[in-house]
Amino acid sequence: MRPHPTLVAHYATPEAKPEFVNRLFDQGAKHYDSVVDWGFLRSGASYRRRTLRQHGLRPPDHLLDVACGTGLVAVEAEKILGTAENITCLDPSEGMLAVARTKLGAHFVQGRAEALPFPDNFFDFLTMGYALRHVTDLETTFREYCRVLKPEGRLLILEITKPGGRVAGFFFRLYFGRIYPFLTQLFTRSTDARDMMRYYWETMDACVPPASVLSALMAAGLTAVKRDTALGLFSEYTAMKARSATT
């Protein structure tokens, strides 16, 4: 299951998506933190930390942060775990990893969610922050998540979900589709940063509904699959690997 249809304005086939996405984030990486910080009213760090705690991250968990980007989730996880030694950050974009490496002393690996370069039953907790739309296949990705988690290991996926209401949908589209990319270019003077946030909006607009994400998580063999929401905008997908799960 693809997270969204092929966006032919950017790449012609699903197979071409990873190269396009990597290039986009490599070019915009140096602007990412500042753009996300003011774009979400400087609330992102506290929200990530609170949500990690709420969904069970605790010492001495070994955490895999998939599609770690510039390390925004991993930095908050370090505050909870008390160390970065138990954190592994994975991302396909070397540009994003380069920024993340300046923030914490975690283990950094360049790779993709669909083919995790780790052994079975390895991590206690796995996170993915606002990158679900950038994988090529949801079920393949979630099977990999299930594989590398230890039995009873936990999964937390943070995502932005387009609201279903007409009025809320209008303002969501106005802000993320027009205002946010415009202000991004205005403040950064970077067309790379603007294009990154335009694509961010396009994938949110085209993303499959939450019910499809939940179905894909269950199809991958995960249990206790659930979606919580915050402000009608932020989705928190959680799941667990069964105690008796085998890979």
C-alpha atoms as a PDB file:
ATOM      1  CA  MET A   1       0.000   0.000   0.000  1.00  0.00           C
ATOM      2  CA  ARG A   2       1.457   3.342  -1.042  1.00  0.00           C
ATOM      3  CA  PRO A   3       1.080   6.242   1.399  1.00  0.00           C
ATOM      4  CA  HIS A   4      -0.135   8.430  -1.469  1.00  0.00           C
ATOM      5  CA  PRO A   5      -0.478   8.242  -5.266  1.00  0.00           C
ATOM      6  CA  THR A   6       2.513   8.934  -7.485  1.00  0.00           C
ATOM      7  CA  LEU A   7       3.066  12.703  -7.640  1.00  0.00           C
ATOM      8  CA  VAL A   8       3.930  12.877 -11.316  1.00  0.00           C
ATOM      9  CA  ALA A   9       4.802  16.571 -11.143  1.00  0.00           C
ATOM     10  CA  HIS A  10       7.900  15.507  -9.196  1.00  0.00           C
ATOM     11  CA  TYR A  11       8.728  11.938 -10.262  1.00  0.00           C
ATOM     12  CA  ALA A  12       7.340   9.721 -13.005  1.00  0.00           C
ATOM     13  CA  THR A  13       7.188   6.350 -11.235  1.00  0.00           C
ATOM     14  CA  PRO A  14       7.045   5.041  -7.659  1.00  0.00           C
ATOM     15  CA  GLU A  15      10.569   3.692  -8.111  1.00  0.00           C
ATOM     16  CA  ALA A  16      11.850   7.231  -8.710  1.00  0.00           C
ATOM     17  CA  LYS A  17      10.361   8.581  -5.475  1.00  0.00           C
ATOM     18  CA  PRO A  18      13.269   7.792  -3.081  1.00  0.00           C
ATOM     19  CA  GLU A  19      15.841   9.602  -5.211  1.00  0.00           C
ATOM     20  CA  PHE A  20      13.602  12.657  -5.506  1.00  0.00           C
ATOM     21  CA  VAL A  21      12.811  12.765  -1.785  1.00  0.00           C
ATOM     22  CA  ASN A  22      16.475  12.339  -0.799  1.00  0.00           C
ATOM     23  CA  ARG A  23      17.553  15.166  -3.080  1.00  0.00           C
ATOM     24  CA  LEU A  24      14.773  17.418  -1.791  1.00  0.00           C
ATOM     25  CA  PHE A  25      15.740  16.931   1.856  1.00  0.00           C
ATOM     26  CA  ASP A  26      19.484  17.044   1.182  1.00  0.00           C
ATOM     27  CA  GLN A  27      19.033  20.476  -0.356  1.00  0.00           C
ATOM     28  CA  GLY A  28      16.687  21.812   2.313  1.00  0.00           C
ATOM     29  CA  ALA A  29      18.288  20.218   5.384  1.00  0.00           C
ATOM     30  CA  LYS A  30      20.088  23.314   6.671  1.00  0.00           C
ATOM     31  CA  HIS A  31      16.798  25.221   6.822  1.00  0.00           C
ATOM     32  CA  TYR A  32      14.609  22.441   8.208  1.00  0.00           C
ATOM     33  CA  ASP A  33      14.879  23.118  11.939  1.00  0.00           C
ATOM     34  CA  SER A  34      14.156  26.825  11.764  1.00  0.00           C
ATOM     35  CA  VAL A  35      11.259  26.343   9.354  1.00  0.00           C
ATOM     36  CA  VAL A  36       9.637  23.666  11.519  1.00  0.00           C
ATOM     37  CA  ASP A  37      10.262  25.643  14.712  1.00  0.00           C
ATOM     38  CA  TRP A  38       8.399  28.801  13.758  1.00  0.00           C
ATOM     39  CA  GLY A  39       5.946  26.977  11.499  1.00  0.00           C
ATOM     40  CA  PHE A  40       4.547  25.096  14.479  1.00  0.00           C
ATOM     41  CA  LEU A  41       4.751  28.037  16.879  1.00  0.00           C
ATOM     42  CA  ARG A  42       7.756  26.625  18.745  1.00  0.00           C
ATOM     43  CA  SER A  43       5.589  23.881  20.256  1.00  0.00           C
ATOM     44  CA  GLY A  44       7.213  20.917  18.553  1.00  0.00           C
ATOM     45  CA  ALA A  45       9.881  19.981  21.111  1.00  0.00           C
ATOM     46  CA  SER A  46       7.555  19.865  24.102  1.00  0.00           C
ATOM     47  CA  TYR A  47       4.930  17.966  22.117  1.00  0.00           C
ATOM     48  CA  ARG A  48       7.420  15.329  20.955  1.00  0.00           C
ATOM     49  CA  ARG A  49       8.826  14.834  24.461  1.00  0.00           C
ATOM     50  CA  ARG A  50       5.389  14.640  26.077  1.00  0.00           C
ATOM     51  CA  THR A  51       4.125  12.176  23.490  1.00  0.00           C
ATOM     52  CA  LEU A  52       7.168   9.920  23.819  1.00  0.00           C
ATOM     53  CA  ARG A  53       6.641   9.769  27.590  1.00  0.00           C
ATOM     54  CA  GLN A  54       2.908   9.230  27.248  1.00  0.00           C
ATOM     55  CA  HIS A  55       3.372   6.243  24.946  1.00  0.00           C
ATOM     56  CA  GLY A  56       5.880   4.493  27.144  1.00  0.00           C
ATOM     57  CA  LEU A  57       9.459   5.433  26.265  1.00  0.00           C
ATOM     58  CA  ARG A  58      11.565   4.985  29.374  1.00  0.00           C
ATOM     59  CA  PRO A  59      15.105   4.029  30.441  1.00  0.00           C
ATOM     60  CA  PRO A  60      16.842   1.771  29.563  1.00  0.00           C
ATOM     61  CA  ASP A  61      14.977   1.316  26.263  1.00  0.00           C
ATOM     62  CA  HIS A  62      16.964   0.950  23.065  1.00  0.00           C
ATOM     63  CA  LEU A  63      15.293   3.250  20.545  1.00  0.00           C
ATOM     64  CA  LEU A  64      15.328   3.239  16.758  1.00  0.00           C
ATOM     65  CA  ASP A  65      14.265   6.580  15.264  1.00  0.00           C
ATOM     66  CA  VAL A  66      13.404   5.882  11.627  1.00  0.00           C
ATOM     67  CA  ALA A  67      13.522   8.773   9.171  1.00  0.00           C
ATOM     68  CA  CYS A  68      15.128  10.754  11.962  1.00  0.00           C
ATOM     69  CA  GLY A  69      15.681  13.812   9.782  1.00  0.00           C
ATOM     70  CA  THR A  70      17.615  16.432  11.718  1.00  0.00           C
ATOM     71  CA  GLY A  71      17.121  14.553  14.990  1.00  0.00           C
ATOM     72  CA  LEU A  72      14.161  16.432  16.420  1.00  0.00           C
ATOM     73  CA  VAL A  73      12.531  13.325  17.904  1.00  0.00           C
ATOM     74  CA  ALA A  74      15.837  11.778  18.985  1.00  0.00           C
ATOM     75  CA  VAL A  75      16.875  14.903  20.917  1.00  0.00           C
ATOM     76  CA  GLU A  76      13.688  14.726  22.995  1.00  0.00           C
ATOM     77  CA  ALA A  77      14.124  10.981  23.465  1.00  0.00           C
ATOM     78  CA  GLU A  78      17.615  11.582  24.857  1.00  0.00           C
ATOM     79  CA  LYS A  79      16.110  13.805  27.556  1.00  0.00           C
ATOM     80  CA  ILE A  80      13.865  10.934  28.620  1.00  0.00           C
ATOM     81  CA  LEU A  81      16.444   8.154  28.378  1.00  0.00           C
ATOM     82  CA  GLY A  82      19.221  10.214  29.945  1.00  0.00           C
ATOM     83  CA  THR A  83      21.674   9.159  27.258  1.00  0.00           C
ATOM     84  CA  ALA A  84      22.008   9.009  23.487  1.00  0.00           C
ATOM     85  CA  GLU A  85      23.970   5.756  23.630  1.00  0.00           C
ATOM     86  CA  ASN A  86      20.757   3.739  23.385  1.00  0.00           C
ATOM     87  CA  ILE A  87      19.458   5.705  20.383  1.00  0.00           C
ATOM     88  CA  THR A  88      19.945   4.715  16.753  1.00  0.00           C
ATOM     89  CA  CYS A  89      18.964   7.286  14.128  1.00  0.00           C
ATOM     90  CA  LEU A  90      18.287   6.157  10.566  1.00  0.00           C
ATOM     91  CA  ASP A  91      17.572   8.333   7.537  1.00  0.00           C
ATOM     92  CA  PRO A  92      18.157   8.052   3.779  1.00  0.00           C
ATOM     93  CA  SER A  93      19.204  11.710   3.484  1.00  0.00           C
ATOM     94  CA  GLU A  94      22.862  12.379   4.247  1.00  0.00           C
ATOM     95  CA  GLY A  95      22.053  16.096   4.423  1.00  0.00           C
ATOM     96  CA  MET A  96      19.561  15.559   7.236  1.00  0.00           C
ATOM     97  CA  LEU A  97      21.880  13.144   9.056  1.00  0.00           C
ATOM     98  CA  ALA A  98      24.700  15.700   8.904  1.00  0.00           C
ATOM     99  CA  VAL A  99      22.557  18.166  10.842  1.00  0.00           C
ATOM    100  CA  ALA A 100      21.411  15.519  13.336  1.00  0.00           C
ATOM    101  CA  ARG A 101      24.996  14.488  14.096  1.00  0.00           C
ATOM    102  CA  THR A 102      25.689  17.982  15.459  1.00  0.00           C
ATOM    103  CA  LYS A 103      23.007  17.594  18.145  1.00  0.00           C
ATOM    104  CA  LEU A 104      23.553  14.294  19.926  1.00  0.00           C
ATOM    105  CA  GLY A 105      25.907  11.382  20.202  1.00  0.00           C
ATOM    106  CA  ALA A 106      23.551   8.703  18.928  1.00  0.00           C
ATOM    107  CA  HIS A 107      24.377   5.964  16.440  1.00  0.00           C
ATOM    108  CA  PHE A 108      23.671   7.201  12.911  1.00  0.00           C
ATOM    109  CA  VAL A 109      22.889   4.961   9.955  1.00  0.00           C
ATOM    110  CA  GLN A 110      22.010   5.938   6.404  1.00  0.00           C
ATOM    111  CA  GLY A 111      19.218   3.701   5.192  1.00  0.00           C
ATOM    112  CA  ARG A 112      15.552   3.333   4.333  1.00  0.00           C
ATOM    113  CA  ALA A 113      12.560   2.286   6.381  1.00  0.00           C
ATOM    114  CA  GLU A 114      11.592  -0.374   3.847  1.00  0.00           C
ATOM    115  CA  ALA A 115      14.871  -2.282   4.332  1.00  0.00           C
ATOM    116  CA  LEU A 116      16.168  -1.748   7.856  1.00  0.00           C
ATOM    117  CA  PRO A 117      19.815  -2.848   8.232  1.00  0.00           C
ATOM    118  CA  PHE A 118      19.305  -4.332  11.699  1.00  0.00           C
ATOM    119  CA  PRO A 119      18.793  -7.837  13.102  1.00  0.00           C
ATOM    120  CA  ASP A 120      15.474  -9.267  14.234  1.00  0.00           C
ATOM    121  CA  ASN A 121      14.147  -8.530  17.732  1.00  0.00           C
ATOM    122  CA  PHE A 122      16.672  -5.764  18.388  1.00  0.00           C
ATOM    123  CA  PHE A 123      14.894  -2.598  19.622  1.00  0.00           C
ATOM    124  CA  ASP A 124      12.552  -1.895  22.542  1.00  0.00           C
ATOM    125  CA  PHE A 125      10.956   1.175  20.970  1.00  0.00           C
ATOM    126  CA  LEU A 126      10.691   2.511  17.421  1.00  0.00           C
ATOM    127  CA  THR A 127       9.664   6.013  16.400  1.00  0.00           C
ATOM    128  CA  MET A 128       8.936   7.777  13.129  1.00  0.00           C
ATOM    129  CA  GLY A 129       8.237  11.495  13.158  1.00  0.00           C
ATOM    130  CA  TYR A 130       6.286  13.064  10.298  1.00  0.00           C
ATOM    131  CA  ALA A 131       7.868  10.940   7.584  1.00  0.00           C
ATOM    132  CA  LEU A 132       5.302   8.218   6.965  1.00  0.00           C
ATOM    133  CA  ARG A 133       4.313   9.893   3.699  1.00  0.00           C
ATOM    134  CA  HIS A 134       7.825   9.552   2.314  1.00  0.00           C
ATOM    135  CA  VAL A 135       8.139   5.756   2.294  1.00  0.00           C
ATOM    136  CA  THR A 136       7.315   3.766  -0.827  1.00  0.00           C
ATOM    137  CA  ASP A 137       5.083   1.111   0.738  1.00  0.00           C
ATOM    138  CA  LEU A 138       3.342   1.083   4.114  1.00  0.00           C
ATOM    139  CA  GLU A 139       2.983  -2.660   4.642  1.00  0.00           C
ATOM    140  CA  THR A 140       6.600  -3.357   3.662  1.00  0.00           C
ATOM    141  CA  THR A 141       7.740  -0.651   6.062  1.00  0.00           C
ATOM    142  CA  PHE A 142       5.557  -1.875   8.912  1.00  0.00           C
ATOM    143  CA  ARG A 143       6.703  -5.482   8.461  1.00  0.00           C
ATOM    144  CA  GLU A 144      10.256  -4.223   8.869  1.00  0.00           C
ATOM    145  CA  TYR A 145       9.227  -2.354  12.017  1.00  0.00           C
ATOM    146  CA  CYS A 146       7.668  -5.504  13.426  1.00  0.00           C
ATOM    147  CA  ARG A 147      10.754  -7.538  12.530  1.00  0.00           C
ATOM    148  CA  VAL A 148      13.311  -5.354  14.323  1.00  0.00           C
ATOM    149  CA  LEU A 149      11.212  -4.765  17.447  1.00  0.00           C
ATOM    150  CA  LYS A 150      11.651  -7.086  20.389  1.00  0.00           C
ATOM    151  CA  PRO A 151       8.573  -9.004  21.533  1.00  0.00           C
ATOM    152  CA  GLU A 152       6.360  -6.481  23.346  1.00  0.00           C
ATOM    153  CA  GLY A 153       8.390  -3.674  21.755  1.00  0.00           C
ATOM    154  CA  ARG A 154       6.467  -0.486  21.084  1.00  0.00           C
ATOM    155  CA  LEU A 155       5.948   1.603  17.964  1.00  0.00           C
ATOM    156  CA  LEU A 156       5.048   5.298  17.798  1.00  0.00           C
ATOM    157  CA  ILE A 157       4.440   7.096  14.508  1.00  0.00           C
ATOM    158  CA  LEU A 158       3.740  10.828  14.604  1.00  0.00           C
ATOM    159  CA  GLU A 159       2.019  12.329  11.601  1.00  0.00           C
ATOM    160  CA  ILE A 160       0.038  15.372  10.479  1.00  0.00           C
ATOM    161  CA  THR A 161      -3.386  14.452   9.149  1.00  0.00           C
ATOM    162  CA  LYS A 162      -5.561  16.624   6.980  1.00  0.00           C
ATOM    163  CA  PRO A 163      -8.812  17.339   8.873  1.00  0.00           C
ATOM    164  CA  GLY A 164     -12.016  16.061   7.372  1.00  0.00           C
ATOM    165  CA  GLY A 165     -14.280  19.028   8.117  1.00  0.00           C
ATOM    166  CA  ARG A 166     -14.909  21.550   5.380  1.00  0.00           C
ATOM    167  CA  VAL A 167     -13.929  24.655   7.340  1.00  0.00           C
ATOM    168  CA  ALA A 168     -10.961  23.038   9.077  1.00  0.00           C
ATOM    169  CA  GLY A 169      -9.853  21.591   5.747  1.00  0.00           C
ATOM    170  CA  PHE A 170      -9.951  25.020   4.136  1.00  0.00           C
ATOM    171  CA  PHE A 171      -7.706  26.608   6.762  1.00  0.00           C
ATOM    172  CA  PHE A 172      -5.384  23.587   6.756  1.00  0.00           C
ATOM    173  CA  ARG A 173      -5.014  23.896   2.987  1.00  0.00           C
ATOM    174  CA  LEU A 174      -4.553  27.661   3.175  1.00  0.00           C
ATOM    175  CA  TYR A 175      -1.821  27.487   5.803  1.00  0.00           C
ATOM    176  CA  PHE A 176       0.178  24.452   4.681  1.00  0.00           C
ATOM    177  CA  GLY A 177      -0.490  24.813   0.974  1.00  0.00           C
ATOM    178  CA  ARG A 178       0.087  28.546   0.557  1.00  0.00           C
ATOM    179  CA  ILE A 179       1.104  30.539   3.630  1.00  0.00           C
ATOM    180  CA  TYR A 180       3.731  28.162   5.015  1.00  0.00           C
ATOM    181  CA  PRO A 181       5.702  27.718   1.741  1.00  0.00           C
ATOM    182  CA  PHE A 182       5.491  31.463   1.056  1.00  0.00           C
ATOM    183  CA  LEU A 183       6.799  32.415   4.496  1.00  0.00           C
ATOM    184  CA  THR A 184       9.466  29.728   4.265  1.00  0.00           C
ATOM    185  CA  GLN A 185      10.944  31.330   1.167  1.00  0.00           C
ATOM    186  CA  LEU A 186      10.498  34.811   2.594  1.00  0.00           C
ATOM    187  CA  PHE A 187      12.382  34.030   5.812  1.00  0.00           C
ATOM    188  CA  THR A 188      15.041  31.683   4.430  1.00  0.00           C
ATOM    189  CA  ARG A 189      15.403  33.205   0.946  1.00  0.00           C
ATOM    190  CA  SER A 190      15.783  29.630  -0.234  1.00  0.00           C
ATOM    191  CA  THR A 191      13.776  28.064  -3.038  1.00  0.00           C
ATOM    192  CA  ASP A 192      15.026  24.671  -1.815  1.00  0.00           C
ATOM    193  CA  ALA A 193      13.374  25.237   1.561  1.00  0.00           C
ATOM    194  CA  ARG A 194      10.203  26.471  -0.130  1.00  0.00           C
ATOM    195  CA  ASP A 195      10.060  23.434  -2.409  1.00  0.00           C
ATOM    196  CA  MET A 196      10.585  21.139   0.564  1.00  0.00           C
ATOM    197  CA  MET A 197       7.575  22.599   2.358  1.00  0.00           C
ATOM    198  CA  ARG A 198       5.455  22.612  -0.778  1.00  0.00           C
ATOM    199  CA  TYR A 199       6.113  18.912  -1.135  1.00  0.00           C
ATOM    200  CA  TYR A 200       5.350  18.493   2.565  1.00  0.00           C
ATOM    201  CA  TRP A 201       1.892  19.899   1.886  1.00  0.00           C
ATOM    202  CA  GLU A 202       1.318  17.912  -1.285  1.00  0.00           C
ATOM    203  CA  THR A 203       1.985  14.627   0.485  1.00  0.00           C
ATOM    204  CA  MET A 204      -0.282  15.548   3.396  1.00  0.00           C
ATOM    205  CA  ASP A 205      -3.037  16.442   0.951  1.00  0.00           C
ATOM    206  CA  ALA A 206      -2.702  13.164  -0.969  1.00  0.00           C
ATOM    207  CA  CYS A 207      -2.010  10.831   1.969  1.00  0.00           C
ATOM    208  CA  VAL A 208      -4.208   7.797   2.553  1.00  0.00           C
ATOM    209  CA  PRO A 209      -6.708   8.168   5.427  1.00  0.00           C
ATOM    210  CA  PRO A 210      -5.872   7.061   8.978  1.00  0.00           C
ATOM    211  CA  ALA A 211      -8.004   3.920   8.618  1.00  0.00           C
ATOM    212  CA  SER A 212      -5.682   2.705   5.864  1.00  0.00           C
ATOM    213  CA  VAL A 213      -2.613   3.294   8.035  1.00  0.00           C
ATOM    214  CA  LEU A 214      -4.199   1.320  10.878  1.00  0.00           C
ATOM    215  CA  SER A 215      -5.090  -1.515   8.501  1.00  0.00           C
ATOM    216  CA  ALA A 216      -1.525  -1.644   7.194  1.00  0.00           C
ATOM    217  CA  LEU A 217      -0.143  -1.810  10.740  1.00  0.00           C
ATOM    218  CA  MET A 218      -2.413  -4.752  11.549  1.00  0.00           C
ATOM    219  CA  ALA A 219      -1.597  -6.469   8.262  1.00  0.00           C
ATOM    220  CA  ALA A 220       2.089  -6.300   9.191  1.00  0.00           C
ATOM    221  CA  GLY A 221       1.408  -8.405  12.283  1.00  0.00           C
ATOM    222  CA  LEU A 222       1.478  -5.666  14.910  1.00  0.00           C
ATOM    223  CA  THR A 223      -0.989  -5.690  17.797  1.00  0.00           C
ATOM    224  CA  ALA A 224      -2.686  -3.122  20.044  1.00  0.00           C
ATOM    225  CA  VAL A 225      -2.937  -0.878  16.995  1.00  0.00           C
ATOM    226  CA  LYS A 226      -4.417   2.514  17.847  1.00  0.00           C
ATOM    227  CA  ARG A 227      -4.605   6.121  16.714  1.00  0.00           C
ATOM    228  CA  ASP A 228      -4.789   9.047  19.133  1.00  0.00           C
ATOM    229  CA  THR A 229      -5.211  12.617  17.955  1.00  0.00           C
ATOM    230  CA  ALA A 230      -4.192  16.039  19.208  1.00  0.00           C
ATOM    231  CA  LEU A 231      -5.912  19.266  18.140  1.00  0.00           C
ATOM    232  CA  GLY A 232      -7.643  17.336  15.373  1.00  0.00           C
ATOM    233  CA  LEU A 233      -4.439  17.666  13.385  1.00  0.00           C
ATOM    234  CA  PHE A 234      -1.720  15.462  14.848  1.00  0.00           C
ATOM    235  CA  SER A 235      -2.027  11.683  14.606  1.00  0.00           C
ATOM    236  CA  GLU A 236      -0.228   9.407  17.051  1.00  0.00           C
ATOM    237  CA  TYR A 237      -0.238   5.860  15.694  1.00  0.00           C
ATOM    238  CA  THR A 238       0.821   3.264  18.262  1.00  0.00           C
ATOM    239  CA  ALA A 239       1.266  -0.486  18.111  1.00  0.00           C
ATOM    240  CA  MET A 240       3.137  -3.325  19.768  1.00  0.00           C
ATOM    241  CA  LYS A 241       4.897  -6.472  18.693  1.00  0.00           C
ATOM    242  CA  ALA A 242       3.185  -9.474  20.248  1.00  0.00           C
ATOM    243  CA  ARG A 243       5.002 -11.331  22.993  1.00  0.00           C
ATOM    244  CA  SER A 244       4.948 -14.550  20.980  1.00  0.00           C
ATOM    245  CA  ALA A 245       5.704 -12.919  17.608  1.00  0.00           C
ATOM    246  CA  THR A 246       8.221 -14.680  15.384  1.00  0.00           C
ATOM    247  CA  THR A 247      10.096 -13.376  12.341  1.00  0.00           C
END
